[in-house]
Amino acid sequence: MRYPEALLSLQADVYGLYHMTNPEVFYNRGDQWTVATENGSSQGGDQAAQPMQPNFVLMTLPGESGAWSSSRSCLHAYQPQ
């Protein structure tokens, strides 16, 4: 089963703020994250920063072994705001 990209992007935007556990840091927005950006070209040919697309990765998690133990994960890159 593949995780929907739209749902992952929405959760990534929300998690950028709500990952903090310290209330003081949360209210001061001291550790807020955003989805990482990359340089690309716009439709007009100019360079523009665009959010990075999520990557689907096939990997074996720690403690798993065997041919059918590979997990499919979808990863989003973050950067500090």
Protein backbone atom coordinates (compact mmCIF):
# COMPACT_ATOMS: atom_id res chain seq x y z
CA MET A 1 0.00 0.00 0.00
CA ARG A 2 1.39 3.41 -0.92
CA TYR A 3 0.87 6.39 1.39
CA PRO A 4 -0.93 9.30 -0.34
CA GLU A 5 1.48 12.17 -1.13
CA ALA A 6 -1.11 14.85 -0.40
CA LEU A 7 -1.69 13.46 3.10
CA LEU A 8 2.06 13.20 3.73
CA SER A 9 2.61 16.81 2.64
CA LEU A 10 -0.18 18.04 4.90
CA GLN A 11 1.19 16.09 7.86
CA ALA A 12 4.72 17.37 7.12
CA ASP A 13 3.51 20.98 7.25
CA VAL A 14 1.73 20.39 10.57
CA TYR A 15 4.61 18.44 12.09
CA GLY A 16 6.99 21.32 11.38
CA LEU A 17 5.35 23.23 14.22
CA TYR A 18 3.91 20.55 16.49
CA HIS A 19 7.04 18.39 16.96
CA MET A 20 8.18 20.54 19.91
CA THR A 21 7.66 19.17 23.42
CA ASN A 22 8.88 22.16 25.47
CA PRO A 23 5.99 24.68 25.89
CA GLU A 24 8.31 27.70 26.13
CA VAL A 25 10.07 26.81 22.86
CA PHE A 26 6.70 26.09 21.22
CA TYR A 27 5.14 29.46 22.10
CA ASN A 28 8.29 31.35 21.06
CA ARG A 29 8.49 29.34 17.80
CA GLY A 30 12.13 28.63 18.67
CA ASP A 31 12.50 25.33 16.81
CA GLN A 32 10.09 25.55 13.88
CA TRP A 33 10.83 23.51 10.75
CA THR A 34 9.75 23.87 7.12
CA VAL A 35 9.87 21.46 4.23
CA ALA A 36 13.24 21.84 2.51
CA THR A 37 13.40 23.72 -0.78
CA GLU A 38 15.45 23.20 -3.90
CA ASN A 39 16.27 25.51 -6.78
CA GLY A 40 14.32 24.83 -9.92
CA SER A 41 13.04 26.73 -12.89
CA SER A 42 9.61 28.30 -13.11
CA GLN A 43 7.43 28.18 -16.21
CA GLY A 44 8.93 31.47 -17.35
CA GLY A 45 12.46 30.02 -17.25
CA ASP A 46 13.51 31.94 -14.13
CA GLN A 47 15.07 30.19 -11.16
CA ALA A 48 12.72 29.74 -8.24
CA ALA A 49 12.80 27.88 -4.92
CA GLN A 50 10.37 24.96 -4.89
CA PRO A 51 9.50 22.62 -2.01
CA MET A 52 11.22 19.26 -2.29
CA GLN A 53 9.01 16.34 -3.23
CA PRO A 54 8.80 13.38 -0.81
CA ASN A 55 11.03 10.38 -1.52
CA PHE A 56 9.81 6.80 -1.39
CA VAL A 57 12.50 4.52 0.06
CA LEU A 58 12.69 0.74 0.38
CA MET A 59 14.74 -0.18 3.46
CA THR A 60 15.20 -2.81 6.16
CA LEU A 61 14.44 -1.49 9.63
CA PRO A 62 16.65 -2.35 12.64
CA GLY A 63 15.77 -5.74 14.13
CA GLU A 64 14.21 -7.07 10.92
CA SER A 65 15.73 -9.75 8.73
CA GLY A 66 14.69 -11.91 5.80
CA ALA A 67 13.63 -11.39 2.23
CA TRP A 68 10.17 -9.97 3.04
CA SER A 69 11.21 -7.65 5.86
CA SER A 70 11.88 -4.56 3.75
CA SER A 71 9.66 -1.62 4.63
CA ARG A 72 8.53 1.02 2.19
CA SER A 73 8.85 4.46 3.71
CA CYS A 74 8.11 7.93 2.47
CA LEU A 75 10.49 10.62 3.68
CA HIS A 76 10.25 14.39 3.66
CA ALA A 77 13.31 16.62 4.09
CA TYR A 78 13.08 19.45 6.64
CA GLN A 79 15.13 22.56 7.31
CA PRO A 80 15.01 25.00 10.26
CA GLN A 81 12.87 28.06 9.61
